[in-house]
Every structure is written in structure tokens, then in C-alpha cells.
Protein backbone atom coordinates (compact mmCIF):
# COMPACT_ATOMS: atom_id res chain seq x y z
CA MET A 1 153.30 134.28 65.51
CA ARG A 2 150.59 132.30 63.75
CA ARG A 3 152.91 129.29 63.62
CA VAL A 4 153.49 129.47 67.39
CA LEU A 5 149.76 129.72 68.07
CA LEU A 6 149.07 126.79 65.78
CA ILE A 7 151.67 124.62 67.52
CA SER A 8 150.24 125.62 70.91
CA ALA A 9 146.74 124.67 69.78
CA VAL A 10 147.96 121.29 68.53
CA PHE A 11 149.67 120.53 71.85
CA SER A 12 146.50 121.53 73.72
CA MET A 13 144.43 119.14 71.61
CA LEU A 14 146.94 116.35 72.15
CA ALA A 15 146.96 116.95 75.89
CA ALA A 16 143.17 116.91 75.99
CA GLY A 17 143.18 113.65 74.05
CA VAL A 18 145.61 112.08 76.50
CA VAL A 19 143.49 113.14 79.49
CA HIS A 20 140.33 111.82 77.84
CA GLY A 21 142.06 108.55 77.05
CA GLN A 22 143.24 108.16 80.63
CA GLU A 23 139.76 108.84 81.96
CA THR A 24 138.26 106.28 79.57
CA GLU A 25 140.79 103.69 80.72
CA LEU A 26 140.06 104.47 84.38
CA ARG A 27 136.31 104.07 83.83
CA ALA A 28 136.82 100.79 82.00
CA SER A 29 139.12 99.56 84.77
CA TYR A 30 136.54 100.28 87.48
CA LYS A 31 133.77 98.63 85.47
CA GLN A 32 135.88 95.50 85.02
CA ARG A 33 136.70 95.38 88.74
CA TYR A 34 133.06 95.87 89.65
CA GLU A 35 131.82 93.17 87.26
CA ARG A 36 134.49 90.73 88.44
CA GLN A 37 133.54 91.31 92.09
CA VAL A 38 129.84 90.87 91.32
CA ARG A 39 130.56 87.58 89.55
CA ASN A 40 132.46 86.37 92.59
CA VAL A 41 130.24 87.54 95.48
CA GLY A 42 126.96 88.81 94.00
CA VAL A 43 125.51 92.30 93.48
CA VAL A 44 125.50 93.18 97.19
CA GLY A 45 128.44 91.00 98.24
CA VAL A 46 131.47 91.99 100.27
CA GLY A 47 133.63 94.62 98.60
CA VAL A 48 131.11 95.73 95.96
CA GLU A 49 130.10 98.92 97.75
CA THR A 50 133.76 99.84 98.33
CA ILE A 51 134.48 99.62 94.61
CA LEU A 52 131.39 101.71 93.85
CA ASP A 53 132.44 104.42 96.33
CA ARG A 54 135.95 104.63 94.83
CA TRP A 55 134.54 104.57 91.31
CA GLU A 56 132.24 107.50 92.12
CA LYS A 57 135.08 109.47 93.73
CA ASP A 58 137.41 109.05 90.73
CA CYS A 59 134.77 109.17 87.96
CA PRO A 60 131.85 111.25 89.28
CA ASP A 61 130.26 111.68 85.83
CA ASP A 62 130.45 108.07 84.61
CA PRO A 63 126.92 106.90 83.72
CA GLU A 64 127.95 103.25 84.03
CA MET A 65 128.98 103.90 87.61
CA PHE A 66 125.50 105.23 88.34
CA LYS A 67 123.95 102.25 86.55
CA SER A 68 126.01 99.95 88.80
CA LYS A 69 124.96 101.92 91.89
CA PHE A 70 121.37 101.45 90.76
CA ASP A 71 121.87 97.68 90.54
CA PHE A 72 123.43 97.65 94.03
CA ASN A 73 120.75 99.77 95.73
CA TYR A 74 117.88 98.05 93.93
CA ALA A 75 119.14 94.65 95.06
CA LYS A 76 119.53 95.98 98.61
CA SER A 77 115.97 97.31 98.56
CA LEU A 78 114.36 94.07 97.39
CA SER A 79 112.98 91.23 99.47
CA SER A 80 109.86 89.07 99.31
CA GLU A 81 107.04 87.85 101.48
CA VAL A 82 103.99 85.64 101.18
CA VAL A 83 100.64 87.45 101.34
CA GLN A 84 97.02 86.37 101.23
CA ASN A 85 94.73 87.49 98.42
CA PRO A 86 91.11 86.48 97.70
CA SER A 87 91.64 86.11 93.93
CA SER A 88 92.79 82.92 92.22
CA ARG A 89 95.27 85.07 90.27
CA PHE A 90 97.19 88.11 91.49
CA LEU A 91 99.41 90.40 89.37
CA GLY A 92 99.24 87.80 86.62
CA GLU A 93 100.64 85.04 88.85
CA LYS A 94 99.22 81.81 90.24
CA PRO A 95 99.26 81.30 94.02
CA VAL A 96 102.25 79.59 95.58
CA LEU A 97 99.91 77.94 98.09
CA THR A 98 96.16 77.31 98.30
CA LEU A 99 94.46 76.28 101.56
CA LYS A 100 90.90 75.89 102.79
CA ASP A 101 89.30 78.08 105.45
CA SER A 102 86.76 76.89 108.04
CA THR A 103 83.93 77.16 105.50
CA GLY A 104 85.77 75.13 102.86
CA ALA A 105 86.50 78.14 100.64
CA ASN A 106 89.89 78.48 98.99
CA VAL A 107 92.43 80.84 100.55
CA TYR A 108 95.20 81.90 98.16
CA TYR A 109 98.76 82.88 99.06
CA TYR A 110 101.19 84.71 96.79
CA GLN A 111 104.88 85.55 96.97
CA VAL A 112 105.30 89.26 96.29
CA ASN A 113 108.17 91.74 96.16
CA VAL A 114 108.68 94.02 99.15
CA PHE A 115 110.89 97.11 98.96
CA ASP A 116 112.89 99.16 101.43
CA ASP A 117 111.92 102.71 100.45
CA GLU A 118 115.28 104.26 101.38
CA TYR A 119 117.34 101.95 99.19
CA PHE A 120 114.74 102.06 96.42
CA SER A 121 114.88 105.86 96.40
CA LEU A 122 118.68 105.71 96.12
CA ALA A 123 118.34 103.28 93.23
CA LEU A 124 115.98 105.63 91.36
CA GLN A 125 118.29 108.58 91.96
CA SER A 126 121.24 106.64 90.55
CA ILE A 127 119.53 105.45 87.38
CA GLY A 128 118.01 108.90 86.91
CA ARG A 129 121.48 110.43 87.01
CA ALA A 130 122.74 107.88 84.48
CA ALA A 131 119.88 108.83 82.15
CA GLU A 132 120.71 112.52 82.56
CA LEU A 133 124.30 111.88 81.50
CA ARG A 134 123.30 109.70 78.54
CA PRO A 135 119.67 110.55 77.70
CA TYR A 136 119.58 108.43 74.53
CA GLU A 137 120.72 105.17 76.18
CA LEU A 138 117.56 103.10 76.49
CA ARG A 139 118.96 100.63 79.03
CA TYR A 140 118.88 103.26 81.76
CA ARG A 141 115.31 104.21 80.93
CA PHE A 142 114.21 100.58 80.82
CA ASP A 143 115.86 99.84 84.17
CA LYS A 144 113.91 102.65 85.82
CA ILE A 145 110.61 101.56 84.29
CA ASN A 146 111.16 97.92 85.24
CA ALA A 147 111.96 98.90 88.82
CA LEU A 148 108.82 101.03 89.08
CA ILE A 149 106.59 98.27 87.68
CA ALA A 150 107.90 95.87 90.32
CA TYR A 151 107.54 98.49 93.07
CA GLU A 152 104.02 99.70 92.24
CA LYS A 153 102.46 96.25 91.78
CA ASP A 154 98.74 96.71 90.97
CA SER A 155 98.77 100.52 90.60
CA PRO A 156 101.37 101.36 87.90
CA ASP A 157 100.93 105.14 87.76
CA MET A 158 104.60 106.17 87.89
CA SER A 159 105.55 103.27 85.62
CA TYR A 160 103.16 104.33 82.89
CA SER A 161 104.15 107.97 83.26
CA GLU A 162 107.79 107.00 82.59
CA ILE A 163 106.81 104.81 79.64
CA LYS A 164 104.67 107.52 78.11
CA SER A 165 107.40 110.15 78.55
CA LEU A 166 109.91 107.86 76.86
CA VAL A 167 107.58 107.23 73.90
CA GLU A 168 106.97 110.96 73.52
CA GLU A 169 110.71 111.70 73.58
CA TYR A 170 111.39 108.95 71.07
CA ARG A 171 108.59 110.11 68.78
CA SER A 172 109.73 113.74 68.87
CA ASP A 173 113.43 112.94 68.45
CA LYS A 174 113.63 109.82 66.28
CA ASN A 175 116.77 111.09 64.55
CA ALA A 176 118.71 111.15 67.83
CA SER A 177 121.46 108.57 68.33
CA TRP A 178 119.41 106.19 70.46
CA THR A 179 121.29 103.16 71.75
CA LEU A 180 120.63 100.01 73.75
CA ASP A 181 123.59 98.77 75.78
CA SER A 182 125.71 101.28 73.83
CA GLU A 183 124.76 99.68 70.49
CA PRO A 184 122.82 101.60 67.81
CA LEU A 185 119.20 100.53 67.38
CA THR A 186 118.10 98.40 64.44
CA GLN A 187 116.01 100.55 62.14
CA VAL A 188 113.47 98.42 60.28
CA LYS A 189 112.91 99.37 56.65
CA GLY A 190 109.56 101.05 56.14
CA SER A 191 109.02 101.66 59.86
CA SER A 192 109.47 104.83 61.87
CA VAL A 193 110.20 102.81 65.02
CA ALA A 194 113.37 100.83 65.66
CA GLN A 195 113.01 97.11 66.27
CA GLU A 196 114.31 97.17 69.85
CA PHE A 197 112.07 100.05 70.86
CA SER A 198 108.96 98.45 69.39
CA GLN A 199 109.74 95.15 71.08
CA ALA A 200 110.25 96.83 74.45
CA MET A 201 106.93 98.67 74.19
CA GLY A 202 105.24 95.40 73.31
CA GLU A 203 106.72 93.84 76.45
CA TYR A 204 105.49 96.76 78.57
CA CYS A 205 102.02 96.36 77.09
CA TYR A 206 102.12 92.71 78.14
CA ALA A 207 103.35 93.60 81.64
CA LEU A 208 100.46 96.03 82.10
CA TYR A 209 97.98 93.50 80.76
CA ARG A 210 99.21 90.80 83.16
CA ILE A 211 98.69 93.06 86.18
CA GLY A 212 95.01 92.81 85.35
CA THR A 213 93.58 95.71 87.35
CA PRO A 214 91.18 98.23 85.73
CA LEU A 215 93.88 100.92 85.91
CA ALA A 216 96.52 98.66 84.37
CA TYR A 217 94.12 97.66 81.58
CA ASP A 218 93.52 101.34 80.81
CA TYR A 219 97.26 102.00 80.59
CA PHE A 220 97.64 98.86 78.45
CA PHE A 221 95.04 100.27 76.06
CA GLN A 222 96.61 103.74 76.01
CA LEU A 223 100.12 102.47 75.28
CA SER A 224 98.87 100.05 72.63
CA SER A 225 96.92 102.86 70.94
CA ILE A 226 99.92 105.20 70.94
CA MET A 227 102.15 102.51 69.45
CA ASN A 228 99.47 101.61 66.90
CA LYS A 229 99.61 105.19 65.61
CA LEU A 230 103.40 104.96 65.33
CA GLU A 231 103.29 101.48 63.76
CA PRO A 232 99.90 101.05 62.07
CA ASN A 233 100.94 97.78 60.42
CA ASN A 234 102.30 96.13 63.57
CA THR A 235 99.69 93.49 64.44
CA VAL A 236 100.95 93.19 68.03
CA PHE A 237 99.42 96.52 68.99
CA ILE A 238 96.27 95.95 66.94
CA ASP A 239 95.75 92.63 68.71
CA ASN A 240 96.36 94.37 72.03
CA ILE A 241 93.52 96.81 71.38
CA GLY A 242 91.29 93.87 70.49
CA SER A 243 92.26 92.13 73.73
CA TYR A 244 91.40 95.25 75.70
CA TRP A 245 87.87 95.27 74.32
CA GLN A 246 87.50 91.52 74.68
CA VAL A 247 88.92 91.05 78.20
CA ALA A 248 88.72 94.39 80.00
CA LYS A 249 85.47 95.69 78.51
CA ARG A 250 83.71 92.42 77.55
CA ASN A 251 82.85 93.92 74.19
CA ASN A 252 83.37 91.16 71.63
CA ARG A 253 81.93 93.21 68.78
CA LYS A 254 84.67 95.84 69.04
CA ALA A 255 87.29 93.18 69.71
CA GLU A 256 86.35 91.39 66.47
CA LYS A 257 86.87 94.59 64.53
CA TYR A 258 90.53 94.81 65.58
CA TYR A 259 91.30 91.10 65.21
CA LYS A 260 89.93 91.16 61.67
CA LYS A 261 91.98 94.27 60.98
CA ALA A 262 95.11 92.42 62.14
CA LEU A 263 94.29 89.44 59.91
CA LYS A 264 94.05 91.70 56.87
CA ILE A 265 97.67 92.68 57.51
CA ASP A 266 98.83 89.17 58.50
CA PRO A 267 96.40 86.34 57.62
CA GLU A 268 98.44 83.98 59.83
CA ASP A 269 98.39 86.18 62.93
CA TYR A 270 98.06 83.66 65.76
CA ALA A 271 96.64 85.94 68.46
CA ALA A 272 93.90 87.31 66.23
CA THR A 273 92.96 83.86 64.92
CA SER A 274 92.85 82.29 68.39
CA ASN A 275 90.83 85.09 69.96
CA LEU A 276 88.32 85.17 67.12
CA LYS A 277 87.77 81.44 67.66
CA LEU A 278 87.08 82.12 71.34
CA ILE A 279 84.57 84.81 70.42
CA GLN A 280 82.83 82.55 67.90
CA SER A 281 82.73 79.75 70.46
CA SER A 282 81.17 82.12 72.99
CA LYS A 283 78.53 83.16 70.44
CA SER A 284 77.72 79.50 69.71
CA ARG A 285 77.26 78.68 73.40
CA LYS A 286 74.96 81.67 73.87
CA GLY A 287 72.97 80.67 70.80
CA GLN A 288 72.53 77.11 72.03
CA SER A 289 71.38 78.32 75.44
CA GLY A 290 68.86 80.65 73.82
CA LYS A 291 70.39 83.77 75.34
């Protein structure tokens, strides 16, 4: 009797393995067809949506299918227009056109992203579902954050909320099998943060800094401070805190403190060296003017 049960269990395992293998092949086949069609006609070209619909019907729990649906809906949601803004820089960008008004003052024009809310909502739903199915795949999380940063423009509330949630999850579950594009992260010796994760957070700090609004500067400072606690010897985040005090708060004294701290860790740190020179130059000009 035990022998019969054992044989039955073996056959069940083999059958399950065959089914799993077939499903894996089907998913890979759809992904290949989708990528080939996108190469030929573009993300929203003819036939792409048909492949996505069939892919979803046959593989309803494939995270890569939802990632592809995100790409499709995000591209459908996105367009651009030229808008007027009184500042000589907007969202970190230079104007695409500068004209004069009747008084001779400059009028600045910028090309900005415009989104269709219905398609954008579908895109967020798709990438959210992908992240639910594979919560430790960073690409899905990054895609959502990047989309929100583009959508929110000068008021990145949802963007920062997603970034902060991701950092908290990563910090509380560092031993999880985090991946980026299905590849394991590169764990740097002596650091509690993987190289790819640290680099991504540095890029998000820069994105928030470039937006240049008071709210974005505050989020830039908060994220830099959180990452500085996780990586106290990473001069990128130390320099960021210095830049916050120097640029956003106009407090050179506090900025100097962080730049000098960065130079103790890396005497050749370019950002700290350059910004300290700017501060010293500012002090010299004030001294010469008697102020």
C-alpha cells in the first residue's frame, strides 16, 4: 500500500512539473511575441493590445504581462504641450523658447508632460498588480515611482510616499531575495544596502532636487537623511544634506559642516570640494563689500 501511495505521489509531482513547465513556456512565448511586436511597431502600435489581451487571458497571474500592460497604458496616457512659466527654470529644465512681452520682460515657455488620467490610472493598476505578484522585484516599484514623478511634476507627494514605503520595506526585510530585472542585487561588502538600491535612491534624491520646489527640497532632504542613516559612509547622501542647507535654506554654515564631513570620508569628493569653494567665494565677496 505504501509503495502504491509513493508511486502515486511521484506521478503527481511529475504532472505538476509538466504543467508548470508548460505555463513557463507559454509566458515566455507571449513575452517574446510582445517584445517583437513592440520592436516592429512601437509600444502602442497595431497589434500590441491584441497580444496583451490574449496574454492576460492565458496567463492571468504573469507579472511580466502586467508590466507590459503598464508600458502600454503609460505610453497611451502620455503627451506633451508647451506652457508658459514666469521662472527662467522650471522642474529643473531650461525653457524651449524665450520671448519678450510688451514691456521687454522675458516670457519663458516649457515643454511639459500631459497625462490622460484614465490611461494613467490603468497603468498604475497594472504595475501595482505586478508588484503584488513579485513584491521583491525592484523594477516594478521603480516603474511606478518614475511614472508618479513625471505625473505629479512640482508636487511629488505620491512619488515620495512610494519611495519612502520602498525604503522602509527594504530596511525591514534586507534578507529578502530582492531582484532587479530578475537578477539578484549586488551586495557591497561592509554595507547594509545593495549597490543597485543605493544608486536608485541617489537618483531619486537628484530627481527631487531638480524639481526645485520647497516641497521637493524637503523630500530631497528627508530621503537623503534616511539613506545617510542606512549608509553613513556614503558621501552622496552626506553631500545631499549639505546641498539642502546651502541651496534650499541658504545656510552655508550648516552646509559646510556636511561637506567637511564628506571630505573626511573621501578627501577627493568632488561635490563637497566644489561646493565648499563656492561658499568660500561667497564669503570673500561679502567681506570685500563690507557686508
